[in-house]
């Protein structure tokens, strides 16, 4: 994924998430990025972030709608309303949703990557 517009990152994130390929999803994060998979927990770097994201991917498929993206130079503050829907082991529907607060940074090659991903940060 090559998010060359900060405003496209959430769309690209959902597509990468739904691809099932964790490496594609991790390519949207800076190497030293942080993810808050649940309140009070911070996953740092690709190894920890990948482990946390795999748990979310196990739930089902994601949709995401950007609420806003404020870009100043090479940084942006963005927020999305997102939902992951699937079926649990008991065959019952499962749904997780939230409103994110995300810090993005433009890389030297023009791509926008996540620096801090807080899926529940604006909820």
PDB file of N, CA and C in Angstrom:
ATOM      1  N   UNK A   1       0.837  -1.172   0.000  1.00  0.00           N
ATOM      2  CA  UNK A   1       0.000   0.000   0.000  1.00  0.00           C
ATOM      3  C   UNK A   1       0.886   1.239   0.000  1.00  0.00           C
ATOM      4  N   UNK A   2       0.540   2.181  -0.823  1.00  0.00           N
ATOM      5  CA  UNK A   2       1.278   3.438  -0.899  1.00  0.00           C
ATOM      6  C   UNK A   2       0.326   4.602  -0.713  1.00  0.00           C
ATOM      7  N   UNK A   3       0.070   4.957   0.535  1.00  0.00           N
ATOM      8  CA  UNK A   3      -0.826   6.073   0.827  1.00  0.00           C
ATOM      9  C   UNK A   3      -0.080   7.374   0.580  1.00  0.00           C
ATOM     10  N   UNK A   4      -0.270   7.930  -0.602  1.00  0.00           N
ATOM     11  CA  UNK A   4       0.403   9.184  -0.937  1.00  0.00           C
ATOM     12  C   UNK A   4      -0.440  10.395  -0.573  1.00  0.00           C
ATOM     13  N   UNK A   5      -1.607  10.164  -0.008  1.00  0.00           N
ATOM     14  CA  UNK A   5      -2.450  11.231   0.514  1.00  0.00           C
ATOM     15  C   UNK A   5      -2.832  10.850   1.934  1.00  0.00           C
ATOM     16  N   UNK A   6      -2.633  11.776   2.870  1.00  0.00           N
ATOM     17  CA  UNK A   6      -3.003  11.486   4.254  1.00  0.00           C
ATOM     18  C   UNK A   6      -4.499  11.172   4.356  1.00  0.00           C
ATOM     19  N   UNK A   7      -5.287  11.754   3.486  1.00  0.00           N
ATOM     20  CA  UNK A   7      -6.741  11.559   3.507  1.00  0.00           C
ATOM     21  C   UNK A   7      -7.153  10.165   3.037  1.00  0.00           C
ATOM     22  N   UNK A   8      -6.244   9.425   2.431  1.00  0.00           N
ATOM     23  CA  UNK A   8      -6.549   8.075   1.935  1.00  0.00           C
ATOM     24  C   UNK A   8      -6.081   6.977   2.875  1.00  0.00           C
ATOM     25  N   UNK A   9      -5.382   7.328   3.943  1.00  0.00           N
ATOM     26  CA  UNK A   9      -4.776   6.301   4.778  1.00  0.00           C
ATOM     27  C   UNK A   9      -5.803   5.353   5.390  1.00  0.00           C
ATOM     28  N   UNK A  10      -6.927   5.849   5.861  1.00  0.00           N
ATOM     29  CA  UNK A  10      -7.913   4.955   6.483  1.00  0.00           C
ATOM     30  C   UNK A  10      -8.510   3.983   5.461  1.00  0.00           C
ATOM     31  N   UNK A  11      -8.756   4.477   4.267  1.00  0.00           N
ATOM     32  CA  UNK A  11      -9.254   3.585   3.201  1.00  0.00           C
ATOM     33  C   UNK A  11      -8.224   2.499   2.910  1.00  0.00           C
ATOM     34  N   UNK A  12      -6.962   2.905   2.793  1.00  0.00           N
ATOM     35  CA  UNK A  12      -5.890   1.950   2.523  1.00  0.00           C
ATOM     36  C   UNK A  12      -5.697   0.984   3.691  1.00  0.00           C
ATOM     37  N   UNK A  13      -5.879   1.489   4.913  1.00  0.00           N
ATOM     38  CA  UNK A  13      -5.740   0.648   6.097  1.00  0.00           C
ATOM     39  C   UNK A  13      -6.783  -0.468   6.069  1.00  0.00           C
ATOM     40  N   UNK A  14      -8.051  -0.125   5.806  1.00  0.00           N
ATOM     41  CA  UNK A  14      -9.109  -1.137   5.762  1.00  0.00           C
ATOM     42  C   UNK A  14      -8.833  -2.171   4.675  1.00  0.00           C
ATOM     43  N   UNK A  15      -8.361  -1.722   3.512  1.00  0.00           N
ATOM     44  CA  UNK A  15      -8.050  -2.664   2.429  1.00  0.00           C
ATOM     45  C   UNK A  15      -6.906  -3.590   2.833  1.00  0.00           C
ATOM     46  N   UNK A  16      -5.869  -3.040   3.466  1.00  0.00           N
ATOM     47  CA  UNK A  16      -4.746  -3.863   3.907  1.00  0.00           C
ATOM     48  C   UNK A  16      -5.187  -4.828   5.006  1.00  0.00           C
ATOM     49  N   UNK A  17      -6.002  -4.353   5.928  1.00  0.00           N
ATOM     50  CA  UNK A  17      -6.526  -5.190   7.005  1.00  0.00           C
ATOM     51  C   UNK A  17      -7.297  -6.377   6.419  1.00  0.00           C
ATOM     52  N   UNK A  18      -8.175  -6.083   5.469  1.00  0.00           N
ATOM     53  CA  UNK A  18      -9.028  -7.117   4.881  1.00  0.00           C
ATOM     54  C   UNK A  18      -8.279  -8.046   3.940  1.00  0.00           C
ATOM     55  N   UNK A  19      -7.072  -7.662   3.518  1.00  0.00           N
ATOM     56  CA  UNK A  19      -6.267  -8.543   2.666  1.00  0.00           C
ATOM     57  C   UNK A  19      -5.799  -9.780   3.437  1.00  0.00           C
ATOM     58  N   UNK A  20      -5.742  -9.653   4.758  1.00  0.00           N
ATOM     59  CA  UNK A  20      -5.260 -10.754   5.582  1.00  0.00           C
ATOM     60  C   UNK A  20      -3.747 -10.849   5.647  1.00  0.00           C
ATOM     61  N   UNK A  21      -3.047 -10.024   4.892  1.00  0.00           N
ATOM     62  CA  UNK A  21      -1.581 -10.052   4.844  1.00  0.00           C
ATOM     63  C   UNK A  21      -1.035  -9.062   5.862  1.00  0.00           C
ATOM     64  N   UNK A  22      -0.528  -9.574   6.983  1.00  0.00           N
ATOM     65  CA  UNK A  22      -0.056  -8.712   8.060  1.00  0.00           C
ATOM     66  C   UNK A  22       1.100  -7.823   7.604  1.00  0.00           C
ATOM     67  N   UNK A  23       1.941  -8.306   6.687  1.00  0.00           N
ATOM     68  CA  UNK A  23       3.062  -7.488   6.215  1.00  0.00           C
ATOM     69  C   UNK A  23       2.570  -6.275   5.427  1.00  0.00           C
ATOM     70  N   UNK A  24       1.518  -6.444   4.651  1.00  0.00           N
ATOM     71  CA  UNK A  24       0.931  -5.319   3.919  1.00  0.00           C
ATOM     72  C   UNK A  24       0.378  -4.306   4.921  1.00  0.00           C
ATOM     73  N   UNK A  25      -0.282  -4.798   5.949  1.00  0.00           N
ATOM     74  CA  UNK A  25      -0.851  -3.914   6.968  1.00  0.00           C
ATOM     75  C   UNK A  25       0.254  -3.176   7.730  1.00  0.00           C
ATOM     76  N   UNK A  26       1.301  -3.883   8.099  1.00  0.00           N
ATOM     77  CA  UNK A  26       2.406  -3.259   8.833  1.00  0.00           C
ATOM     78  C   UNK A  26       3.168  -2.244   7.988  1.00  0.00           C
ATOM     79  N   UNK A  27       3.076  -2.358   6.666  1.00  0.00           N
ATOM     80  CA  UNK A  27       3.770  -1.398   5.803  1.00  0.00           C
ATOM     81  C   UNK A  27       3.163   0.006   5.916  1.00  0.00           C
ATOM     82  N   UNK A  28       2.017   0.123   6.593  1.00  0.00           N
ATOM     83  CA  UNK A  28       1.389   1.426   6.800  1.00  0.00           C
ATOM     84  C   UNK A  28       1.842   2.092   8.101  1.00  0.00           C
ATOM     85  N   UNK A  29       2.760   1.448   8.822  1.00  0.00           N
ATOM     86  CA  UNK A  29       3.280   1.957  10.084  1.00  0.00           C
ATOM     87  C   UNK A  29       4.772   2.259   9.959  1.00  0.00           C
ATOM     88  N   UNK A  30       5.213   3.338  10.594  1.00  0.00           N
ATOM     89  CA  UNK A  30       6.645   3.569  10.734  1.00  0.00           C
ATOM     90  C   UNK A  30       7.223   2.436  11.586  1.00  0.00           C
ATOM     91  N   UNK A  31       8.508   2.094  11.408  1.00  0.00           N
ATOM     92  CA  UNK A  31       9.099   0.990  12.180  1.00  0.00           C
ATOM     93  C   UNK A  31       8.990   1.155  13.694  1.00  0.00           C
ATOM     94  N   UNK A  32       9.070   2.365  14.204  1.00  0.00           N
ATOM     95  CA  UNK A  32       9.013   2.598  15.651  1.00  0.00           C
ATOM     96  C   UNK A  32       7.644   3.120  16.085  1.00  0.00           C
ATOM     97  N   UNK A  33       6.610   2.847  15.306  1.00  0.00           N
ATOM     98  CA  UNK A  33       5.255   3.330  15.592  1.00  0.00           C
ATOM     99  C   UNK A  33       4.703   2.698  16.867  1.00  0.00           C
ATOM    100  N   UNK A  34       3.583   3.243  17.317  1.00  0.00           N
ATOM    101  CA  UNK A  34       2.879   2.712  18.485  1.00  0.00           C
ATOM    102  C   UNK A  34       1.404   2.514  18.134  1.00  0.00           C
ATOM    103  N   UNK A  35       0.828   1.465  18.712  1.00  0.00           N
ATOM    104  CA  UNK A  35      -0.593   1.140  18.566  1.00  0.00           C
ATOM    105  C   UNK A  35      -1.159   0.917  19.956  1.00  0.00           C
ATOM    106  N   UNK A  36      -2.327   1.460  20.215  1.00  0.00           N
ATOM    107  CA  UNK A  36      -3.020   1.244  21.487  1.00  0.00           C
ATOM    108  C   UNK A  36      -4.148   0.238  21.211  1.00  0.00           C
ATOM    109  N   UNK A  37      -3.879  -1.070  21.363  1.00  0.00           N
ATOM    110  CA  UNK A  37      -4.899  -2.067  21.025  1.00  0.00           C
ATOM    111  C   UNK A  37      -6.054  -2.118  22.018  1.00  0.00           C
ATOM    112  N   UNK A  38      -5.817  -1.636  23.237  1.00  0.00           N
ATOM    113  CA  UNK A  38      -6.854  -1.523  24.259  1.00  0.00           C
ATOM    114  C   UNK A  38      -6.386  -0.469  25.254  1.00  0.00           C
ATOM    115  N   UNK A  39      -7.313   0.169  25.947  1.00  0.00           N
ATOM    116  CA  UNK A  39      -6.911   1.204  26.895  1.00  0.00           C
ATOM    117  C   UNK A  39      -5.874   0.690  27.896  1.00  0.00           C
ATOM    118  N   UNK A  40      -4.820   1.467  28.081  1.00  0.00           N
ATOM    119  CA  UNK A  40      -3.771   1.103  29.030  1.00  0.00           C
ATOM    120  C   UNK A  40      -2.675   0.226  28.474  1.00  0.00           C
ATOM    121  N   UNK A  41      -2.772  -0.167  27.209  1.00  0.00           N
ATOM    122  CA  UNK A  41      -1.770  -1.029  26.586  1.00  0.00           C
ATOM    123  C   UNK A  41      -1.222  -0.337  25.352  1.00  0.00           C
ATOM    124  N   UNK A  42       0.108  -0.331  25.213  1.00  0.00           N
ATOM    125  CA  UNK A  42       0.742   0.256  24.033  1.00  0.00           C
ATOM    126  C   UNK A  42       1.657  -0.789  23.406  1.00  0.00           C
ATOM    127  N   UNK A  43       1.403  -1.097  22.145  1.00  0.00           N
ATOM    128  CA  UNK A  43       2.266  -1.989  21.367  1.00  0.00           C
ATOM    129  C   UNK A  43       3.228  -1.101  20.591  1.00  0.00           C
ATOM    130  N   UNK A  44       4.530  -1.401  20.691  1.00  0.00           N
ATOM    131  CA  UNK A  44       5.545  -0.571  20.051  1.00  0.00           C
ATOM    132  C   UNK A  44       6.328  -1.387  19.037  1.00  0.00           C
ATOM    133  N   UNK A  45       6.511  -0.830  17.850  1.00  0.00           N
ATOM    134  CA  UNK A  45       7.277  -1.496  16.809  1.00  0.00           C
ATOM    135  C   UNK A  45       6.457  -2.540  16.073  1.00  0.00           C
ATOM    136  N   UNK A  46       6.973  -2.953  14.927  1.00  0.00           N
ATOM    137  CA  UNK A  46       6.230  -3.857  14.054  1.00  0.00           C
ATOM    138  C   UNK A  46       5.906  -5.207  14.678  1.00  0.00           C
ATOM    139  N   UNK A  47       6.792  -5.770  15.496  1.00  0.00           N
ATOM    140  CA  UNK A  47       6.529  -7.100  16.069  1.00  0.00           C
ATOM    141  C   UNK A  47       5.326  -7.038  17.001  1.00  0.00           C
ATOM    142  N   UNK A  48       5.328  -6.091  17.937  1.00  0.00           N
ATOM    143  CA  UNK A  48       4.211  -5.983  18.885  1.00  0.00           C
ATOM    144  C   UNK A  48       2.930  -5.527  18.189  1.00  0.00           C
ATOM    145  N   UNK A  49       3.047  -4.577  17.275  1.00  0.00           N
ATOM    146  CA  UNK A  49       1.866  -4.096  16.548  1.00  0.00           C
ATOM    147  C   UNK A  49       1.266  -5.236  15.721  1.00  0.00           C
ATOM    148  N   UNK A  50       2.113  -6.016  15.060  1.00  0.00           N
ATOM    149  CA  UNK A  50       1.635  -7.144  14.254  1.00  0.00           C
ATOM    150  C   UNK A  50       0.862  -8.157  15.088  1.00  0.00           C
ATOM    151  N   UNK A  51       1.362  -8.470  16.269  1.00  0.00           N
ATOM    152  CA  UNK A  51       0.680  -9.423  17.150  1.00  0.00           C
ATOM    153  C   UNK A  51      -0.700  -8.894  17.543  1.00  0.00           C
ATOM    154  N   UNK A  52      -0.773  -7.606  17.861  1.00  0.00           N
ATOM    155  CA  UNK A  52      -2.059  -7.016  18.240  1.00  0.00           C
ATOM    156  C   UNK A  52      -3.029  -6.978  17.068  1.00  0.00           C
ATOM    157  N   UNK A  53      -2.530  -6.601  15.892  1.00  0.00           N
ATOM    158  CA  UNK A  53      -3.400  -6.508  14.715  1.00  0.00           C
ATOM    159  C   UNK A  53      -3.934  -7.868  14.285  1.00  0.00           C
ATOM    160  N   UNK A  54      -3.149  -8.912  14.456  1.00  0.00           N
ATOM    161  CA  UNK A  54      -3.614 -10.263  14.107  1.00  0.00           C
ATOM    162  C   UNK A  54      -4.847 -10.636  14.934  1.00  0.00           C
ATOM    163  N   UNK A  55      -4.894 -10.187  16.184  1.00  0.00           N
ATOM    164  CA  UNK A  55      -6.068 -10.467  17.027  1.00  0.00           C
ATOM    165  C   UNK A  55      -7.303  -9.757  16.484  1.00  0.00           C
ATOM    166  N   UNK A  56      -7.116  -8.532  16.011  1.00  0.00           N
ATOM    167  CA  UNK A  56      -8.238  -7.807  15.404  1.00  0.00           C
ATOM    168  C   UNK A  56      -8.655  -8.482  14.087  1.00  0.00           C
ATOM    169  N   UNK A  57      -7.680  -8.896  13.277  1.00  0.00           N
ATOM    170  CA  UNK A  57      -7.995  -9.543  11.995  1.00  0.00           C
ATOM    171  C   UNK A  57      -8.766 -10.845  12.208  1.00  0.00           C
ATOM    172  N   UNK A  58      -8.524 -11.523  13.316  1.00  0.00           N
ATOM    173  CA  UNK A  58      -9.210 -12.787  13.584  1.00  0.00           C
ATOM    174  C   UNK A  58     -10.712 -12.584  13.800  1.00  0.00           C
ATOM    175  N   UNK A  59     -11.118 -11.361  14.095  1.00  0.00           N
ATOM    176  CA  UNK A  59     -12.540 -11.074  14.339  1.00  0.00           C
ATOM    177  C   UNK A  59     -13.330 -11.088  13.036  1.00  0.00           C
ATOM    178  N   UNK A  60     -12.784 -10.452  11.989  1.00  0.00           N
ATOM    179  CA  UNK A  60     -13.530 -10.388  10.728  1.00  0.00           C
ATOM    180  C   UNK A  60     -13.020  -9.300   9.819  1.00  0.00           C
ATOM    181  N   UNK A  61     -13.932  -8.678   9.087  1.00  0.00           N
ATOM    182  CA  UNK A  61     -13.557  -7.661   8.098  1.00  0.00           C
ATOM    183  C   UNK A  61     -13.833  -6.266   8.641  1.00  0.00           C
ATOM    184  N   UNK A  62     -13.060  -5.314   8.108  1.00  0.00           N
ATOM    185  CA  UNK A  62     -13.108  -3.942   8.597  1.00  0.00           C
ATOM    186  C   UNK A  62     -13.675  -2.996   7.565  1.00  0.00           C
ATOM    187  N   UNK A  63     -14.409  -2.014   8.061  1.00  0.00           N
ATOM    188  CA  UNK A  63     -14.772  -0.838   7.272  1.00  0.00           C
ATOM    189  C   UNK A  63     -14.274   0.372   8.060  1.00  0.00           C
ATOM    190  N   UNK A  64     -13.893   1.423   7.350  1.00  0.00           N
ATOM    191  CA  UNK A  64     -13.408   2.639   8.000  1.00  0.00           C
ATOM    192  C   UNK A  64     -13.819   3.851   7.183  1.00  0.00           C
ATOM    193  N   UNK A  65     -14.241   4.870   7.883  1.00  0.00           N
ATOM    194  CA  UNK A  65     -14.663   6.119   7.249  1.00  0.00           C
ATOM    195  C   UNK A  65     -13.904   7.258   7.924  1.00  0.00           C
ATOM    196  N   UNK A  66     -13.092   7.977   7.151  1.00  0.00           N
ATOM    197  CA  UNK A  66     -12.359   9.105   7.708  1.00  0.00           C
ATOM    198  C   UNK A  66     -13.340  10.184   8.160  1.00  0.00           C
ATOM    199  N   UNK A  67     -13.171  10.649   9.394  1.00  0.00           N
ATOM    200  CA  UNK A  67     -13.988  11.733   9.953  1.00  0.00           C
ATOM    201  C   UNK A  67     -13.342  13.073   9.642  1.00  0.00           C
ATOM    202  N   UNK A  68     -12.026  13.129   9.833  1.00  0.00           N
ATOM    203  CA  UNK A  68     -11.275  14.336   9.491  1.00  0.00           C
ATOM    204  C   UNK A  68      -9.805  13.993   9.343  1.00  0.00           C
ATOM    205  N   UNK A  69      -9.100  14.865   8.678  1.00  0.00           N
ATOM    206  CA  UNK A  69      -7.655  14.747   8.528  1.00  0.00           C
ATOM    207  C   UNK A  69      -7.116  16.172   8.433  1.00  0.00           C
ATOM    208  N   UNK A  70      -6.346  16.551   9.427  1.00  0.00           N
ATOM    209  CA  UNK A  70      -5.766  17.894   9.481  1.00  0.00           C
ATOM    210  C   UNK A  70      -4.278  17.760   9.202  1.00  0.00           C
ATOM    211  N   UNK A  71      -3.871  18.277   8.073  1.00  0.00           N
ATOM    212  CA  UNK A  71      -2.491  18.133   7.616  1.00  0.00           C
ATOM    213  C   UNK A  71      -1.757  19.461   7.760  1.00  0.00           C
ATOM    214  N   UNK A  72      -0.620  19.422   8.451  1.00  0.00           N
ATOM    215  CA  UNK A  72       0.243  20.584   8.603  1.00  0.00           C
ATOM    216  C   UNK A  72       1.654  20.140   8.226  1.00  0.00           C
ATOM    217  N   UNK A  73       2.112  20.567   7.060  1.00  0.00           N
ATOM    218  CA  UNK A  73       3.444  20.152   6.618  1.00  0.00           C
ATOM    219  C   UNK A  73       3.511  18.646   6.450  1.00  0.00           C
ATOM    220  N   UNK A  74       4.452  18.036   7.163  1.00  0.00           N
ATOM    221  CA  UNK A  74       4.667  16.594   7.037  1.00  0.00           C
ATOM    222  C   UNK A  74       4.015  15.770   8.138  1.00  0.00           C
ATOM    223  N   UNK A  75       3.122  16.388   8.919  1.00  0.00           N
ATOM    224  CA  UNK A  75       2.387  15.642   9.937  1.00  0.00           C
ATOM    225  C   UNK A  75       0.892  15.858   9.747  1.00  0.00           C
ATOM    226  N   UNK A  76       0.122  14.890  10.221  1.00  0.00           N
ATOM    227  CA  UNK A  76      -1.331  15.004  10.124  1.00  0.00           C
ATOM    228  C   UNK A  76      -1.963  14.319  11.328  1.00  0.00           C
ATOM    229  N   UNK A  77      -3.052  14.898  11.776  1.00  0.00           N
ATOM    230  CA  UNK A  77      -3.893  14.301  12.802  1.00  0.00           C
ATOM    231  C   UNK A  77      -5.165  13.864  12.091  1.00  0.00           C
ATOM    232  N   UNK A  78      -5.488  12.585  12.224  1.00  0.00           N
ATOM    233  CA  UNK A  78      -6.643  12.045  11.513  1.00  0.00           C
ATOM    234  C   UNK A  78      -7.506  11.232  12.470  1.00  0.00           C
ATOM    235  N   UNK A  79      -8.761  11.074  12.093  1.00  0.00           N
ATOM    236  CA  UNK A  79      -9.684  10.268  12.873  1.00  0.00           C
ATOM    237  C   UNK A  79     -10.622   9.531  11.930  1.00  0.00           C
ATOM    238  N   UNK A  80     -10.941   8.306  12.306  1.00  0.00           N
ATOM    239  CA  UNK A  80     -11.863   7.493  11.511  1.00  0.00           C
ATOM    240  C   UNK A  80     -12.853   6.790  12.415  1.00  0.00           C
ATOM    241  N   UNK A  81     -14.053   6.615  11.917  1.00  0.00           N
ATOM    242  CA  UNK A  81     -15.018   5.711  12.536  1.00  0.00           C
ATOM    243  C   UNK A  81     -14.801   4.368  11.853  1.00  0.00           C
ATOM    244  N   UNK A  82     -14.608   3.316  12.629  1.00  0.00           N
ATOM    245  CA  UNK A  82     -14.291   2.010  12.062  1.00  0.00           C
ATOM    246  C   UNK A  82     -15.136   0.926  12.729  1.00  0.00           C
ATOM    247  N   UNK A  83     -15.248  -0.181  12.019  1.00  0.00           N
ATOM    248  CA  UNK A  83     -16.024  -1.321  12.510  1.00  0.00           C
ATOM    249  C   UNK A  83     -15.395  -2.604  11.964  1.00  0.00           C
ATOM    250  N   UNK A  84     -15.278  -3.596  12.835  1.00  0.00           N
ATOM    251  CA  UNK A  84     -14.838  -4.935  12.422  1.00  0.00           C
ATOM    252  C   UNK A  84     -15.996  -5.877  12.742  1.00  0.00           C
ATOM    253  N   UNK A  85     -16.467  -6.581  11.731  1.00  0.00           N
ATOM    254  CA  UNK A  85     -17.607  -7.487  11.888  1.00  0.00           C
ATOM    255  C   UNK A  85     -17.207  -8.887  11.480  1.00  0.00           C
ATOM    256  N   UNK A  86     -17.693  -9.860  12.233  1.00  0.00           N
ATOM    257  CA  UNK A  86     -17.408 -11.254  11.912  1.00  0.00           C
ATOM    258  C   UNK A  86     -18.341 -12.178  12.664  1.00  0.00           C
ATOM    259  N   UNK A  87     -17.943 -13.437  12.721  1.00  0.00           N
ATOM    260  CA  UNK A  87     -18.705 -14.462  13.414  1.00  0.00           C
ATOM    261  C   UNK A  87     -17.791 -15.128  14.430  1.00  0.00           C
ATOM    262  N   UNK A  88     -18.255 -15.222  15.661  1.00  0.00           N
ATOM    263  CA  UNK A  88     -17.463 -15.837  16.718  1.00  0.00           C
ATOM    264  C   UNK A  88     -17.451 -17.354  16.621  1.00  0.00           C
ATOM    265  N   UNK A  89     -16.640 -18.001  17.464  1.00  0.00           N
ATOM    266  CA  UNK A  89     -16.559 -19.473  17.449  1.00  0.00           C
ATOM    267  C   UNK A  89     -17.882 -20.153  17.773  1.00  0.00           C
ATOM    268  N   UNK A  90     -18.783 -19.399  18.425  1.00  0.00           N
ATOM    269  CA  UNK A  90     -20.102 -19.942  18.758  1.00  0.00           C
ATOM    270  C   UNK A  90     -21.138 -19.667  17.666  1.00  0.00           C
ATOM    271  N   UNK A  91     -20.651 -19.194  16.503  1.00  0.00           N
ATOM    272  CA  UNK A  91     -21.484 -18.872  15.337  1.00  0.00           C
ATOM    273  C   UNK A  91     -22.356 -17.632  15.551  1.00  0.00           C
ATOM    274  N   UNK A  92     -22.118 -16.908  16.616  1.00  0.00           N
ATOM    275  CA  UNK A  92     -22.844 -15.666  16.881  1.00  0.00           C
ATOM    276  C   UNK A  92     -22.100 -14.490  16.249  1.00  0.00           C
ATOM    277  N   UNK A  93     -22.827 -13.467  15.803  1.00  0.00           N
ATOM    278  CA  UNK A  93     -22.168 -12.288  15.237  1.00  0.00           C
ATOM    279  C   UNK A  93     -21.280 -11.589  16.269  1.00  0.00           C
ATOM    280  N   UNK A  94     -20.138 -11.089  15.794  1.00  0.00           N
ATOM    281  CA  UNK A  94     -19.200 -10.349  16.638  1.00  0.00           C
ATOM    282  C   UNK A  94     -18.933  -9.018  15.954  1.00  0.00           C
ATOM    283  N   UNK A  95     -18.918  -7.959  16.759  1.00  0.00           N
ATOM    284  CA  UNK A  95     -18.636  -6.651  16.189  1.00  0.00           C
ATOM    285  C   UNK A  95     -17.826  -5.831  17.188  1.00  0.00           C
ATOM    286  N   UNK A  96     -16.791  -5.187  16.683  1.00  0.00           N
ATOM    287  CA  UNK A  96     -15.975  -4.266  17.466  1.00  0.00           C
ATOM    288  C   UNK A  96     -15.932  -2.978  16.666  1.00  0.00           C
ATOM    289  N   UNK A  97     -16.079  -1.847  17.354  1.00  0.00           N
ATOM    290  CA  UNK A  97     -16.044  -0.579  16.628  1.00  0.00           C
ATOM    291  C   UNK A  97     -15.451   0.500  17.520  1.00  0.00           C
ATOM    292  N   UNK A  98     -15.077   1.591  16.887  1.00  0.00           N
ATOM    293  CA  UNK A  98     -14.525   2.701  17.640  1.00  0.00           C
ATOM    294  C   UNK A  98     -14.308   3.906  16.754  1.00  0.00           C
ATOM    295  N   UNK A  99     -13.743   4.926  17.362  1.00  0.00           N
ATOM    296  CA  UNK A  99     -13.387   6.143  16.656  1.00  0.00           C
ATOM    297  C   UNK A  99     -11.933   6.429  16.988  1.00  0.00           C
ATOM    298  N   UNK A 100     -11.111   6.473  15.967  1.00  0.00           N
ATOM    299  CA  UNK A 100      -9.668   6.557  16.175  1.00  0.00           C
ATOM    300  C   UNK A 100      -9.149   7.979  16.289  1.00  0.00           C
ATOM    301  N   UNK A 101      -7.955   8.067  16.866  1.00  0.00           N
ATOM    302  CA  UNK A 101      -7.137   9.276  16.842  1.00  0.00           C
ATOM    303  C   UNK A 101      -5.775   8.813  16.326  1.00  0.00           C
ATOM    304  N   UNK A 102      -5.358   9.314  15.184  1.00  0.00           N
ATOM    305  CA  UNK A 102      -4.151   8.816  14.523  1.00  0.00           C
ATOM    306  C   UNK A 102      -3.193   9.946  14.184  1.00  0.00           C
ATOM    307  N   UNK A 103      -1.914   9.722  14.456  1.00  0.00           N
ATOM    308  CA  UNK A 103      -0.872  10.658  14.072  1.00  0.00           C
ATOM    309  C   UNK A 103      -0.133  10.061  12.880  1.00  0.00           C
ATOM    310  N   UNK A 104      -0.073  10.809  11.788  1.00  0.00           N
ATOM    311  CA  UNK A 104       0.569  10.359  10.552  1.00  0.00           C
ATOM    312  C   UNK A 104       1.774  11.249  10.247  1.00  0.00           C
ATOM    313  N   UNK A 105       2.745  10.679   9.525  1.00  0.00           N
ATOM    314  CA  UNK A 105       3.881  11.481   9.089  1.00  0.00           C
ATOM    315  C   UNK A 105       4.207  11.143   7.639  1.00  0.00           C
ATOM    316  N   UNK A 106       4.464  12.202   6.842  1.00  0.00           N
ATOM    317  CA  UNK A 106       4.866  11.999   5.453  1.00  0.00           C
ATOM    318  C   UNK A 106       6.329  11.564   5.436  1.00  0.00           C
ATOM    319  N   UNK A 107       6.594  10.509   4.678  1.00  0.00           N
ATOM    320  CA  UNK A 107       7.950   9.981   4.554  1.00  0.00           C
ATOM    321  C   UNK A 107       8.671  10.685   3.412  1.00  0.00           C
ATOM    322  N   UNK A 108       9.981  10.487   3.325  1.00  0.00           N
ATOM    323  CA  UNK A 108      10.777  11.152   2.283  1.00  0.00           C
ATOM    324  C   UNK A 108      10.347  10.732   0.881  1.00  0.00           C
ATOM    325  N   UNK A 109       9.708   9.538   0.755  1.00  0.00           N
ATOM    326  CA  UNK A 109       9.246   9.073  -0.560  1.00  0.00           C
ATOM    327  C   UNK A 109       7.812   9.528  -0.863  1.00  0.00           C
ATOM    328  N   UNK A 110       7.223  10.333   0.040  1.00  0.00           N
ATOM    329  CA  UNK A 110       5.881  10.866  -0.188  1.00  0.00           C
ATOM    330  C   UNK A 110       4.760  10.064   0.443  1.00  0.00           C
ATOM    331  N   UNK A 111       5.032   8.849   0.912  1.00  0.00           N
ATOM    332  CA  UNK A 111       3.993   8.034   1.563  1.00  0.00           C
ATOM    333  C   UNK A 111       3.677   8.583   2.944  1.00  0.00           C
ATOM    334  N   UNK A 112       2.433   8.412   3.366  1.00  0.00           N
ATOM    335  CA  UNK A 112       2.015   8.761   4.716  1.00  0.00           C
ATOM    336  C   UNK A 112       1.937   7.476   5.528  1.00  0.00           C
ATOM    337  N   UNK A 113       2.595   7.459   6.700  1.00  0.00           N
ATOM    338  CA  UNK A 113       2.578   6.285   7.566  1.00  0.00           C
ATOM    339  C   UNK A 113       2.088   6.663   8.959  1.00  0.00           C
ATOM    340  N   UNK A 114       1.531   5.680   9.630  1.00  0.00           N
ATOM    341  CA  UNK A 114       1.077   5.858  11.003  1.00  0.00           C
ATOM    342  C   UNK A 114       2.276   5.929  11.949  1.00  0.00           C
ATOM    343  N   UNK A 115       2.244   6.897  12.843  1.00  0.00           N
ATOM    344  CA  UNK A 115       3.236   7.017  13.905  1.00  0.00           C
ATOM    345  C   UNK A 115       2.592   6.555  15.213  1.00  0.00           C
ATOM    346  N   UNK A 116       1.376   7.043  15.479  1.00  0.00           N
ATOM    347  CA  UNK A 116       0.588   6.609  16.633  1.00  0.00           C
ATOM    348  C   UNK A 116      -0.809   6.265  16.127  1.00  0.00           C
ATOM    349  N   UNK A 117      -1.238   5.043  16.421  1.00  0.00           N
ATOM    350  CA  UNK A 117      -2.558   4.553  16.026  1.00  0.00           C
ATOM    351  C   UNK A 117      -3.324   4.224  17.306  1.00  0.00           C
ATOM    352  N   UNK A 118      -4.327   5.038  17.594  1.00  0.00           N
ATOM    353  CA  UNK A 118      -5.142   4.802  18.790  1.00  0.00           C
ATOM    354  C   UNK A 118      -6.582   4.558  18.323  1.00  0.00           C
ATOM    355  N   UNK A 119      -6.937   3.284  18.085  1.00  0.00           N
ATOM    356  CA  UNK A 119      -8.249   2.957  17.518  1.00  0.00           C
ATOM    357  C   UNK A 119      -9.441   3.436  18.357  1.00  0.00           C
ATOM    358  N   UNK A 120      -9.231   3.610  19.658  1.00  0.00           N
ATOM    359  CA  UNK A 120     -10.325   4.035  20.546  1.00  0.00           C
ATOM    360  C   UNK A 120     -10.077   5.442  21.095  1.00  0.00           C
ATOM    361  N   UNK A 121      -9.128   6.162  20.510  1.00  0.00           N
ATOM    362  CA  UNK A 121      -8.659   7.426  21.058  1.00  0.00           C
ATOM    363  C   UNK A 121      -9.631   8.580  21.003  1.00  0.00           C
ATOM    364  N   UNK A 122     -10.635   8.506  20.170  1.00  0.00           N
ATOM    365  CA  UNK A 122     -11.596   9.597  20.061  1.00  0.00           C
ATOM    366  C   UNK A 122     -12.993   9.143  20.468  1.00  0.00           C
ATOM    367  N   UNK A 123     -13.061   8.008  21.113  1.00  0.00           N
ATOM    368  CA  UNK A 123     -14.348   7.449  21.509  1.00  0.00           C
ATOM    369  C   UNK A 123     -14.771   7.991  22.848  1.00  0.00           C
TER     370      UNK A 123
END
